[in-house]
Every structure is written in C-alpha cells, then in structure tokens.
Protein backbone atom coordinates (compact mmCIF):
# COMPACT_ATOMS: atom_id res chain seq x y z
CA UNK A 1 -8.77 -16.36 -35.91
CA UNK A 2 -9.60 -19.91 -34.96
CA UNK A 3 -6.70 -20.00 -32.43
CA UNK A 4 -7.72 -16.53 -30.88
CA UNK A 5 -11.18 -18.09 -30.28
CA UNK A 6 -9.93 -20.94 -29.08
CA UNK A 7 -7.68 -19.25 -26.49
CA UNK A 8 -10.51 -16.84 -25.43
CA UNK A 9 -12.51 -20.15 -24.74
CA UNK A 10 -9.95 -21.81 -22.64
CA UNK A 11 -9.27 -18.17 -20.78
CA UNK A 12 -12.86 -18.00 -19.87
CA UNK A 13 -13.33 -21.74 -19.03
CA UNK A 14 -10.47 -21.27 -16.66
CA UNK A 15 -11.46 -17.86 -15.09
CA UNK A 16 -15.22 -18.61 -14.85
CA UNK A 17 -15.09 -21.56 -12.09
CA UNK A 18 -12.48 -19.40 -9.76
CA UNK A 19 -14.87 -16.65 -10.13
CA UNK A 20 -17.99 -18.34 -9.08
CA UNK A 21 -16.33 -19.75 -6.12
CA UNK A 22 -15.08 -16.51 -4.87
CA UNK A 23 -18.55 -15.30 -5.28
CA UNK A 24 -20.11 -18.37 -3.86
CA UNK A 25 -17.73 -17.70 -0.72
CA UNK A 26 -19.00 -14.23 -0.20
CA UNK A 27 -15.52 -12.76 -1.93
CA UNK A 28 -15.59 -10.17 -4.35
CA UNK A 29 -13.17 -9.84 -7.05
CA UNK A 30 -9.84 -7.69 -6.05
CA UNK A 31 -10.63 -4.12 -6.55
CA UNK A 32 -8.69 -0.75 -5.94
CA UNK A 33 -9.31 -1.43 -2.16
CA UNK A 34 -7.20 -3.93 -1.78
CA UNK A 35 -9.04 -5.19 1.08
CA UNK A 36 -8.91 -1.63 2.85
CA UNK A 37 -12.58 -1.04 2.43
CA UNK A 38 -14.51 -2.12 -0.52
CA UNK A 39 -17.42 0.57 0.19
CA UNK A 40 -14.80 3.50 -0.26
CA UNK A 41 -14.19 5.05 -3.34
CA UNK A 42 -10.33 4.65 -4.00
CA UNK A 43 -8.60 6.67 -6.70
CA UNK A 44 -5.97 4.87 -8.77
CA UNK A 45 -2.75 7.33 -8.86
CA UNK A 46 -1.47 9.77 -6.98
CA UNK A 47 -1.66 12.45 -9.31
CA UNK A 48 -5.49 11.65 -9.79
CA UNK A 49 -6.04 11.95 -5.97
CA UNK A 50 -4.08 15.33 -5.99
CA UNK A 51 -6.71 16.44 -8.67
CA UNK A 52 -9.83 15.37 -6.91
CA UNK A 53 -8.41 16.44 -3.78
CA UNK A 54 -8.07 19.98 -5.10
CA UNK A 55 -11.13 19.68 -6.94
CA UNK A 56 -13.52 18.44 -3.95
CA UNK A 57 -11.78 20.53 -1.32
CA UNK A 58 -11.32 17.10 0.67
CA UNK A 59 -7.78 15.86 2.22
CA UNK A 60 -6.33 13.06 0.13
CA UNK A 61 -5.21 10.08 2.66
CA UNK A 62 -2.44 8.24 0.93
CA UNK A 63 -1.81 4.67 2.70
CA UNK A 64 1.63 3.23 1.42
CA UNK A 65 1.49 -0.69 2.04
CA UNK A 66 2.89 -3.86 0.72
CA UNK A 67 0.95 -7.17 0.04
CA UNK A 68 3.65 -9.18 1.86
CA UNK A 69 4.09 -7.04 4.87
CA UNK A 70 2.62 -8.71 8.14
CA UNK A 71 2.41 -5.07 10.05
CA UNK A 72 0.48 -3.84 6.62
CA UNK A 73 -1.72 -6.84 6.65
CA UNK A 74 -2.41 -6.50 10.36
CA UNK A 75 -3.37 -2.52 10.21
CA UNK A 76 -5.40 -3.43 6.85
CA UNK A 77 -7.64 -5.83 8.71
CA UNK A 78 -8.31 -3.53 11.59
CA UNK A 79 -8.75 -0.48 9.38
CA UNK A 80 -11.26 -2.37 7.08
CA UNK A 81 -13.30 -3.60 10.25
CA UNK A 82 -13.44 -0.01 11.89
CA UNK A 83 -16.90 1.66 11.34
CA UNK A 84 -15.66 4.88 12.23
CA UNK A 85 -12.88 5.19 9.82
CA UNK A 86 -14.74 3.36 7.02
CA UNK A 87 -17.30 6.08 7.19
CA UNK A 88 -14.78 9.03 7.35
CA UNK A 89 -12.69 7.47 4.61
CA UNK A 90 -15.89 7.00 2.28
CA UNK A 91 -17.28 10.63 2.98
CA UNK A 92 -14.70 13.14 3.88
CA UNK A 93 -11.43 11.84 2.31
CA UNK A 94 -9.97 11.15 -1.42
CA UNK A 95 -8.58 8.09 -0.79
CA UNK A 96 -5.59 6.29 -2.26
CA UNK A 97 -3.54 3.00 -1.23
CA UNK A 98 0.02 2.60 -2.89
CA UNK A 99 1.92 -0.56 -3.21
CA UNK A 100 4.84 1.48 -4.95
CA UNK A 101 6.52 4.68 -4.09
CA UNK A 102 5.45 7.99 -5.83
CA UNK A 103 7.66 10.42 -7.21
CA UNK A 104 6.90 12.92 -4.72
CA UNK A 105 9.50 12.86 -2.19
CA UNK A 106 7.23 14.84 0.28
CA UNK A 107 5.46 11.58 0.91
CA UNK A 108 8.46 9.98 2.46
CA UNK A 109 10.19 12.69 4.64
CA UNK A 110 11.70 10.17 6.92
CA UNK A 111 11.99 7.28 4.76
CA UNK A 112 10.34 4.54 2.48
CA UNK A 113 8.71 2.26 5.14
CA UNK A 114 5.56 0.64 5.31
CA UNK A 115 2.87 0.97 6.44
CA UNK A 116 2.80 4.67 6.12
CA UNK A 117 -0.06 7.03 6.40
CA UNK A 118 0.00 10.55 4.98
CA UNK A 119 -2.32 13.43 4.43
CA UNK A 120 -2.15 15.87 1.86
CA UNK A 121 -4.71 18.84 2.28
CA UNK A 122 -6.74 20.36 -0.91
CA UNK A 123 -3.95 22.79 -1.37
CA UNK A 124 -1.54 20.30 -2.43
CA UNK A 125 0.58 20.31 0.81
CA UNK A 126 1.73 17.34 2.27
CA UNK A 127 0.69 17.53 5.96
CA UNK A 128 4.10 16.59 7.65
CA UNK A 129 2.66 17.83 10.86
CA UNK A 130 -0.09 14.93 11.25
CA UNK A 131 2.14 12.10 12.61
CA UNK A 132 1.58 8.91 14.35
CA UNK A 133 3.26 7.83 17.86
CA UNK A 134 6.56 6.63 16.98
CA UNK A 135 9.50 8.94 16.55
CA UNK A 136 11.57 6.76 14.41
CA UNK A 137 8.81 6.05 11.72
CA UNK A 138 6.61 9.30 12.12
CA UNK A 139 3.94 8.26 9.83
CA UNK A 140 3.34 4.46 10.57
CA UNK A 141 0.40 3.19 12.44
CA UNK A 142 -0.02 -0.29 13.96
CA UNK A 143 -3.25 -1.76 14.87
CA UNK A 144 -3.39 -0.83 18.33
CA UNK A 145 -3.03 2.79 17.16
CA UNK A 146 -6.46 2.97 15.51
CA UNK A 147 -7.56 5.76 18.04
CA UNK A 148 -4.40 7.99 17.06
CA UNK A 149 -5.47 7.50 13.16
CA UNK A 150 -8.94 8.37 13.96
CA UNK A 151 -7.81 11.56 15.85
CA UNK A 152 -5.45 12.40 12.92
CA UNK A 153 -7.95 12.11 10.37
CA UNK A 154 -10.30 14.15 12.29
CA UNK A 155 -7.34 16.71 12.67
CA UNK A 156 -6.98 16.81 8.82
CA UNK A 157 -10.57 17.79 8.58
CA UNK A 158 -10.34 20.34 11.25
CA UNK A 159 -7.13 22.09 9.48
CA UNK A 160 -8.76 22.18 6.11
CA UNK A 161 -11.64 23.89 7.72
CA UNK A 162 -9.43 26.52 9.43
CA UNK A 163 -6.94 26.83 6.47
CA UNK A 164 -9.05 27.27 3.40
C-alpha cells in the first residue's frame, strides 16, 4: 500500500508541472481532435461513428491520418484554421479521425494511404462518389485543396437531403 501511494505521488509530481506548463502556454491536453479542431465533437471509433450517423441522420466524415506524416500535418493545420470547415464539421457531421485502418474495406477502395477523407451517409453507405481531385489517390486532399473539400462536404449534405 505504501509503495502504490508513493508511486501515485511521484506520478502526480511528474505530470502536474508539465500539464501546468501546457495550460500556461495556452495548449490544451491532447483530445480526440488530435489537432483537427478542438471545438468539434469527435467520436472515438468507426462503429460509434456509424451508430451516431444513423441515429442523427448526419453524414460521417472519416479522416485517416498519421502523426508522423508531413502531408497529414499540413492538411491538419489548414483544416483546423478554416472557419467554414470547422463550423460545418461541428454542426452538420459526425466526425472521426483515425490513425489506424478499420476493418471496413469500403473505406480504402483505392488503397490505404494518408491523408484520406471519406464520407459515409446515414444509410451507412460509404460515398465512393465524393472524391478529391487526384486520379491516383481519389480521397486525398492537400492544403491547397480546401475549396474542393468544402464543396465535397456540401455535396455530402445535399446528397443526404435528396436521398433520405
């Protein structure tokens, strides 16, 4: 018992200063947003996202990325800074960002590359028809492709209005 209390005290002594420094610098502790938008409500798993998409009648937007990918980091930065994307994501979508592949092969119809953004409608259909501008990586977006991503988000919203 004495050792576990001592271990806990040491852990708190180690973590507390780092947390205080992060808060002082204006940084928030890491959340499910992983830097894609702290004001957005993020789901934790693909299955949870599907459940909420079906229940809320909102499309699910799935962002596949890796922390050590320079292209993912560049896209994340502009995604998080774009007010229109943040507002739509917060109010009109169920949002999920994944740093691993899912078992649903429909989410990788043309390969398992990153960054990759796909949409799933409330009927749980992966929208293979909502693509970016690259023929060799249909679902990837680069920082300069934000207008295409915004239009695709609007398209996903239009499609659920006309198809449900």
